[in-house]
Protein backbone atom coordinates (compact mmCIF):
# COMPACT_ATOMS: atom_id res chain seq x y z
CA MET A 1 35.63 -27.80 147.49
CA ASP A 2 37.48 -30.77 146.07
CA GLY A 3 40.38 -31.44 148.42
CA SER A 4 42.56 -32.55 145.51
CA THR A 5 42.54 -29.01 144.07
CA CYS A 6 43.01 -27.17 147.35
CA MET A 7 46.54 -25.78 147.50
CA THR A 8 48.10 -25.56 150.94
CA GLU A 9 50.68 -22.91 151.59
CA VAL A 10 53.91 -24.43 152.82
CA SER A 11 57.49 -23.30 152.93
CA GLU A 12 59.85 -24.84 150.40
CA GLU A 13 62.15 -25.89 153.22
CA GLN A 14 59.42 -27.78 155.08
CA LEU A 15 58.18 -29.35 151.87
CA SER A 16 61.64 -30.50 150.86
CA GLU A 17 62.39 -31.88 154.32
CA PHE A 18 59.21 -33.94 154.59
CA ALA A 19 59.28 -35.13 150.98
CA GLY A 20 62.84 -36.25 151.59
CA LYS A 21 61.76 -38.29 154.59
CA VAL A 22 58.99 -39.94 152.58
CA MET A 23 61.41 -40.72 149.77
CA GLU A 24 63.70 -42.42 152.28
CA ASP A 25 60.76 -44.52 153.47
CA ILE A 26 59.92 -45.46 149.88
CA GLY A 27 63.52 -46.49 149.35
CA GLY A 28 63.30 -48.52 152.54
CA ALA A 29 60.15 -50.26 151.33
CA PHE A 30 61.92 -51.32 148.14
CA ALA A 31 64.95 -52.40 150.18
CA VAL A 32 62.76 -54.67 152.32
CA LEU A 33 61.28 -56.44 149.31
CA LEU A 34 64.65 -56.84 147.62
CA SER A 35 66.16 -58.06 150.89
CA PHE A 36 63.46 -60.69 151.14
CA ILE A 37 64.34 -61.81 147.61
CA GLY A 38 68.01 -61.98 148.61
CA ASP A 39 67.09 -64.11 151.60
CA GLN A 40 64.81 -66.49 149.74
CA THR A 41 67.34 -67.04 146.92
CA GLY A 42 70.26 -67.44 149.31
CA VAL A 43 72.25 -64.58 147.78
CA TYR A 44 73.03 -62.96 151.12
CA ARG A 45 74.29 -66.18 152.64
CA THR A 46 76.40 -66.92 149.58
CA LEU A 47 77.94 -63.45 149.58
CA ARG A 48 78.65 -63.76 153.28
CA ASP A 49 80.40 -67.09 152.78
CA ILE A 50 82.54 -66.32 149.73
CA GLY A 51 83.43 -62.72 150.59
CA PRO A 52 84.12 -59.86 148.17
CA CYS A 53 83.35 -60.98 144.62
CA SER A 54 82.18 -59.96 141.18
CA THR A 55 78.61 -60.12 139.96
CA ALA A 56 79.47 -63.09 137.74
CA GLU A 57 81.07 -65.01 140.60
CA LEU A 58 78.13 -64.38 142.91
CA ALA A 59 75.58 -65.26 140.24
CA SER A 60 77.31 -68.57 139.58
CA ALA A 61 77.65 -69.44 143.25
CA SER A 62 74.05 -68.42 144.03
CA GLN A 63 72.57 -69.91 140.85
CA VAL A 64 70.61 -66.78 139.97
CA ASP A 65 70.43 -64.70 136.80
CA GLU A 66 73.49 -62.45 136.50
CA ARG A 67 71.74 -59.47 134.89
CA TYR A 68 69.00 -59.29 137.50
CA LEU A 69 71.59 -59.81 140.20
CA ARG A 70 73.54 -56.80 138.96
CA GLU A 71 70.48 -54.57 139.34
CA TRP A 72 69.73 -56.07 142.76
CA LEU A 73 73.29 -55.55 143.98
CA SER A 74 73.27 -51.96 142.70
CA ALA A 75 70.03 -51.21 144.55
CA GLN A 76 71.32 -52.84 147.71
CA ALA A 77 74.58 -50.90 147.56
CA ALA A 78 72.65 -47.65 147.07
CA ALA A 79 70.52 -48.53 150.10
CA GLY A 80 73.60 -49.17 152.25
CA TYR A 81 72.72 -52.85 152.64
CA LEU A 82 76.04 -54.03 151.19
CA ILE A 83 79.39 -52.58 150.09
CA TYR A 84 80.51 -51.79 146.55
CA ASP A 85 84.21 -51.58 145.68
CA GLY A 86 84.43 -49.57 142.48
CA THR A 87 88.12 -50.30 142.04
CA ASN A 88 87.59 -54.03 141.59
CA ASP A 89 83.87 -53.93 140.77
CA TYR A 90 83.31 -56.20 143.77
CA PHE A 91 80.42 -56.47 146.22
CA SER A 92 80.61 -57.60 149.85
CA LEU A 93 78.88 -57.57 153.24
CA THR A 94 80.29 -55.99 156.37
CA PRO A 95 80.14 -58.19 159.51
CA ALA A 96 77.17 -56.16 160.79
CA GLN A 97 75.31 -56.43 157.48
CA ALA A 98 75.94 -60.16 157.43
CA VAL A 99 74.39 -60.59 160.89
CA VAL A 100 71.28 -58.48 160.23
CA LEU A 101 70.63 -59.90 156.76
CA ALA A 102 72.01 -63.43 156.78
CA GLN A 103 72.68 -64.88 160.25
CA GLU A 104 69.60 -66.97 160.93
CA GLY A 105 68.75 -67.23 164.62
CA HIS A 106 70.66 -64.14 165.72
CA PRO A 107 68.45 -61.68 167.65
CA ALA A 108 69.59 -58.90 165.31
CA CYS A 109 68.66 -60.78 162.12
CA LEU A 110 65.60 -59.04 160.67
CA GLN A 111 64.63 -61.39 157.85
CA GLY A 112 61.61 -62.62 159.83
CA LEU A 113 60.28 -59.09 160.06
CA PHE A 114 60.94 -58.59 156.34
CA GLN A 115 58.99 -61.77 155.64
CA GLN A 116 56.06 -60.65 157.78
CA LEU A 117 55.99 -57.25 156.10
CA VAL A 118 56.06 -58.72 152.59
CA SER A 119 53.07 -60.88 153.54
CA GLN A 120 51.05 -57.74 154.25
CA PHE A 121 51.83 -56.23 150.86
CA THR A 122 50.83 -59.54 149.28
CA THR A 123 47.30 -59.26 150.68
CA HIS A 124 46.97 -55.47 150.57
CA GLU A 125 43.52 -55.57 148.93
CA LYS A 126 42.10 -57.41 151.93
CA ALA A 127 43.81 -54.96 154.29
CA ILE A 128 42.17 -52.03 152.49
CA GLU A 129 38.75 -53.69 152.66
CA VAL A 130 39.09 -54.37 156.39
CA PHE A 131 40.33 -50.84 157.07
CA ARG A 132 37.43 -49.28 155.16
CA THR A 133 34.61 -51.43 156.60
CA GLY A 134 35.83 -52.04 160.15
CA ALA A 135 35.40 -55.78 159.69
CA GLY A 136 37.60 -58.27 161.49
CA ARG A 137 40.26 -60.35 159.81
CA PRO A 138 40.96 -63.77 161.34
CA TRP A 139 44.59 -64.73 161.88
CA GLY A 140 44.18 -67.70 159.56
CA GLU A 141 43.25 -65.47 156.59
CA HIS A 142 46.71 -63.95 156.30
CA HIS A 143 49.31 -65.08 153.77
CA GLY A 144 51.45 -68.00 154.95
CA CYS A 145 54.52 -65.75 155.09
CA CYS A 146 52.85 -63.92 157.98
CA PHE A 147 52.90 -67.03 160.19
CA CYS A 148 56.43 -68.04 159.21
CA GLY A 149 57.72 -64.49 159.47
CA THR A 150 56.17 -63.97 162.91
CA ASP A 151 57.82 -67.11 164.27
CA ARG A 152 61.10 -66.33 162.56
CA PHE A 153 61.17 -62.81 163.97
CA PHE A 154 60.24 -63.63 167.57
CA ARG A 155 62.12 -66.91 168.02
CA PRO A 156 65.65 -65.45 168.35
CA GLY A 157 64.42 -63.12 171.09
CA TYR A 158 62.85 -66.03 172.91
CA ALA A 159 66.02 -68.07 172.49
CA ALA A 160 68.11 -65.24 173.92
CA ASN A 161 65.85 -64.32 176.84
CA LEU A 162 63.19 -66.87 177.75
CA VAL A 163 65.21 -69.48 179.65
CA ASN A 164 68.10 -67.26 180.71
CA ALA A 165 66.28 -64.10 181.81
CA TRP A 166 62.48 -64.16 181.71
CA LEU A 167 61.74 -67.36 183.61
CA PRO A 168 64.39 -66.62 186.30
CA ALA A 169 62.72 -63.22 186.84
CA LEU A 170 59.55 -64.99 188.04
CA ASP A 171 59.31 -65.91 191.72
CA GLY A 172 60.04 -69.63 192.26
CA VAL A 173 59.17 -70.72 188.72
CA VAL A 174 62.55 -72.09 187.63
CA GLN A 175 62.69 -74.31 190.72
CA LYS A 176 59.26 -75.75 189.90
CA LEU A 177 60.21 -76.42 186.30
CA SER A 178 63.52 -78.01 187.27
CA THR A 179 61.83 -80.55 189.52
CA GLY A 180 58.83 -81.18 187.28
CA GLY A 181 56.05 -78.70 186.60
CA LYS A 182 53.09 -78.37 184.29
CA VAL A 183 53.17 -75.52 181.78
CA ALA A 184 50.74 -74.11 179.21
CA ASP A 185 51.95 -71.95 176.32
CA VAL A 186 48.78 -70.19 175.14
CA GLY A 187 48.75 -68.80 171.61
CA CYS A 188 51.89 -70.79 170.91
CA GLY A 189 51.87 -70.32 167.13
CA HIS A 190 54.60 -72.47 165.58
CA GLY A 191 55.68 -73.62 169.03
CA SER A 192 59.19 -72.16 169.22
CA SER A 193 58.73 -70.89 172.78
CA THR A 194 57.23 -74.21 173.90
CA VAL A 195 60.07 -76.23 172.40
CA LEU A 196 62.72 -73.97 173.95
CA MET A 197 61.25 -74.48 177.42
CA ALA A 198 60.80 -78.22 176.90
CA GLU A 199 64.46 -78.54 175.93
CA ALA A 200 65.60 -76.59 178.99
CA PHE A 201 63.35 -78.39 181.50
CA PRO A 202 62.99 -82.06 180.52
CA ALA A 203 61.38 -82.95 183.89
CA SER A 204 58.39 -80.71 183.17
CA ALA A 205 55.40 -81.20 180.87
CA PHE A 206 54.61 -78.51 178.31
CA TYR A 207 51.34 -78.01 176.45
CA GLY A 208 51.12 -75.59 173.54
CA TYR A 209 47.66 -74.28 172.63
CA ASP A 210 46.63 -72.33 169.56
CA PHE A 211 43.35 -71.91 167.67
CA HIS A 212 45.15 -71.94 164.28
CA THR A 213 45.22 -75.59 163.17
CA PRO A 214 48.05 -75.26 160.61
CA SER A 215 50.29 -73.67 163.27
CA ILE A 216 49.65 -76.59 165.62
CA SER A 217 50.76 -78.97 162.86
CA VAL A 218 53.99 -77.03 162.36
CA ALA A 219 54.60 -76.91 166.12
CA THR A 220 54.14 -80.67 166.42
CA GLU A 221 56.77 -81.22 163.72
CA LYS A 222 59.14 -78.83 165.49
CA ALA A 223 58.80 -80.82 168.69
CA LYS A 224 59.65 -84.00 166.83
CA ALA A 225 62.67 -82.38 165.17
CA ALA A 226 63.92 -81.19 168.56
CA SER A 227 63.21 -84.62 170.15
CA VAL A 228 61.01 -83.12 172.88
CA GLN A 229 57.75 -84.80 171.90
CA GLY A 230 58.03 -86.76 175.15
CA ASN A 231 57.42 -83.67 177.28
CA ALA A 232 55.86 -81.25 174.78
CA CYS A 233 52.56 -81.66 172.98
CA PHE A 234 50.35 -79.28 171.02
CA VAL A 235 46.57 -78.90 171.10
CA ASN A 236 44.21 -77.01 168.81
CA ALA A 237 42.26 -74.85 171.28
CA SER A 238 41.56 -71.20 171.97
CA ALA A 239 42.64 -69.56 175.23
CA SER A 240 39.11 -69.54 176.63
CA ALA A 241 38.53 -73.20 175.83
CA ILE A 242 41.62 -74.88 177.29
CA PRO A 243 40.25 -78.01 178.98
CA ASP A 244 43.15 -78.71 181.32
CA GLY A 245 44.03 -77.18 184.66
CA ASP A 246 46.37 -77.17 187.64
CA PHE A 247 49.17 -75.50 185.68
CA ASP A 248 52.20 -74.25 187.58
CA LEU A 249 52.92 -71.76 184.80
CA ILE A 250 50.87 -70.34 181.96
CA CYS A 251 52.73 -68.32 179.33
CA MET A 252 51.36 -65.93 176.75
CA PHE A 253 53.90 -64.64 174.26
CA ASP A 254 52.74 -61.62 172.25
CA SER A 255 49.26 -63.12 171.99
CA LEU A 256 46.90 -61.57 174.57
CA HIS A 257 46.41 -58.36 172.58
CA ASP A 258 45.33 -60.43 169.54
CA MET A 259 42.42 -61.99 171.42
CA GLY A 260 38.86 -60.82 171.01
CA ASP A 261 38.11 -61.12 174.72
CA PRO A 262 41.42 -60.79 176.59
CA VAL A 263 39.65 -60.34 179.92
CA GLY A 264 37.57 -63.48 179.45
CA ALA A 265 40.60 -65.44 178.24
CA ALA A 266 42.70 -64.31 181.20
CA ARG A 267 39.85 -65.15 183.59
CA HIS A 268 39.65 -68.69 182.20
CA LEU A 269 43.41 -69.09 182.40
CA ARG A 270 43.40 -67.96 186.03
CA GLN A 271 40.99 -70.80 186.74
CA CYS A 272 43.39 -73.18 184.98
CA LEU A 273 46.28 -72.26 187.29
CA ALA A 274 47.29 -74.17 190.36
CA ALA A 275 46.67 -72.33 193.63
CA ASP A 276 50.27 -71.10 193.68
CA GLY A 277 50.62 -70.86 189.89
CA THR A 278 51.97 -67.99 187.80
CA LEU A 279 50.88 -66.31 184.60
CA MET A 280 53.74 -64.89 182.53
CA LEU A 281 52.52 -62.30 180.05
CA VAL A 282 55.00 -61.16 177.38
CA GLU A 283 53.80 -58.18 175.36
CA PRO A 284 55.41 -55.55 173.13
CA LEU A 285 57.18 -52.84 175.11
CA ALA A 286 55.01 -49.74 175.16
CA ALA A 287 54.44 -46.71 177.33
CA ASP A 288 50.98 -45.95 178.68
CA SER A 289 50.43 -42.84 176.53
CA LEU A 290 50.42 -42.40 172.76
CA ALA A 291 52.74 -39.41 173.02
CA ASP A 292 55.42 -41.56 174.62
CA ASN A 293 55.14 -44.23 171.90
CA LEU A 294 55.83 -41.92 168.96
CA HIS A 295 59.19 -43.38 167.97
CA LEU A 296 60.45 -46.00 165.51
CA LEU A 297 59.58 -49.04 167.63
CA GLY A 298 56.16 -47.60 168.33
CA GLN A 299 55.63 -47.00 164.62
CA ILE A 300 56.47 -50.62 163.81
CA PHE A 301 54.19 -52.06 166.48
CA TYR A 302 51.29 -49.70 165.71
CA SER A 303 51.65 -50.58 162.02
CA ALA A 304 51.58 -54.33 162.69
CA SER A 305 48.64 -53.78 165.01
CA THR A 306 46.71 -51.91 162.30
CA LEU A 307 47.19 -54.72 159.79
CA ILE A 308 47.24 -57.87 161.94
CA CYS A 309 46.53 -57.61 165.67
CA THR A 310 43.51 -55.33 165.86
CA PRO A 311 41.67 -56.98 162.93
CA ALA A 312 42.38 -60.40 164.49
CA SER A 313 40.75 -59.28 167.73
CA ARG A 314 37.74 -57.83 165.92
CA ALA A 315 37.21 -61.13 164.13
CA GLN A 316 36.56 -62.85 167.47
CA GLU A 317 33.81 -62.69 170.06
CA VAL A 318 33.74 -59.35 171.98
CA GLY A 319 36.39 -57.85 169.68
CA LEU A 320 37.96 -55.61 172.32
CA ALA A 321 40.80 -54.60 169.96
CA LEU A 322 43.34 -54.07 172.70
CA GLY A 323 46.13 -53.33 170.22
CA ALA A 324 49.82 -54.18 170.27
CA GLN A 325 50.76 -51.02 172.16
CA ALA A 326 48.36 -51.33 175.08
CA GLY A 327 50.97 -50.46 177.70
CA GLU A 328 51.53 -51.83 181.19
CA ARG A 329 48.71 -49.92 182.87
CA ARG A 330 46.07 -51.18 180.42
CA LEU A 331 47.41 -54.74 180.50
CA THR A 332 47.45 -54.72 184.28
CA ALA A 333 43.83 -53.53 184.31
CA VAL A 334 42.85 -56.43 182.02
CA LEU A 335 44.55 -58.97 184.28
CA LYS A 336 43.03 -57.53 187.45
CA GLU A 337 39.58 -57.46 185.89
CA ALA A 338 40.14 -61.14 185.14
CA GLY A 339 40.74 -61.80 188.85
CA PHE A 340 44.52 -61.65 189.22
CA ARG A 341 45.35 -59.84 192.44
CA HIS A 342 49.11 -59.46 192.07
CA VAL A 343 50.57 -58.06 188.85
CA LYS A 344 54.05 -56.64 188.38
CA ARG A 345 56.61 -56.05 185.65
CA ALA A 346 59.17 -58.80 186.18
CA THR A 347 61.66 -57.72 183.52
CA GLU A 348 61.92 -56.25 180.02
CA THR A 349 64.01 -56.14 176.85
CA ASP A 350 64.37 -53.46 174.21
CA THR A 351 61.19 -54.74 172.53
CA ASN A 352 59.15 -56.62 175.15
CA MET A 353 57.84 -56.30 178.69
CA VAL A 354 57.28 -59.34 180.91
CA LEU A 355 54.45 -59.15 183.43
CA GLU A 356 54.07 -61.64 186.27
CA ALA A 357 50.53 -62.24 187.51
CA ARG A 358 49.29 -64.39 190.38
CA PRO A 359 45.76 -65.22 191.60
């Protein structure tokens, strides 16, 4: 029987409830795209800076078309993304809305995640092909917004936690870096984490490695802009092909689960550590069972893993497809299979876990 003509019996109450949820998600999808437009045109920042205003005033200050802006503002007000004052016909942002939508660098600003999500819609045909065939999809084949959005989303969290909380949670690492250590940032992407550490510990040498050549170019420019090129450099190399060794600290920020052979990569990195060195593994926060990950954060990470992380792993040798919600038990097993004898959770945030591993 054709499934499209098969009628399923369902109560009107259940149908209405679930259809309502889906409609909310559809509204949210539109809100994300429109929010990205508001970010890229500077409308949010302008509205934040000038305060409550009319459509004409905001259009003039933002240098966008007034008629389109009116529709955009109406949609945003309906979504609860800004405030409409019907008495004066004014629009405005609350302080919380201004932070989430327009305060670049704040950990609560979500424009980086919006940007990453829009990139996936942009290349949806490729995503469908990969999903249907089971083929891999290399990181470098994604839309450029994916790389920029990923860095933009993760950087505020690194800025808030890396130097002040994560590194101090590791045994003896801060002391080594303060006096002059050698550090590898593996899968460094655009280099934000590397630059943050290089700024905080000028006596140490930092090496950022990534197999994506364009990202290494961006990272190199970031180091120059931050004036840390003297103690931070970037190299185009995969985790399993890093030529250097004797590192006091090797960091992996949200990158191990993207690798085709995470065990082999971790084994090579263990060999690159000094005898008393430390591997710091930062991964998305996840429980060990699927049932315990069925919440909003789990949905977001599983979704990103479906579109980005798992296909990236499958595009590489071995193609283990660890996934972005592997959980501490699975990650620990990977590290121990790679030869690390001591693995523990050093600390965590609302979105990430930090594992400390030693040979």
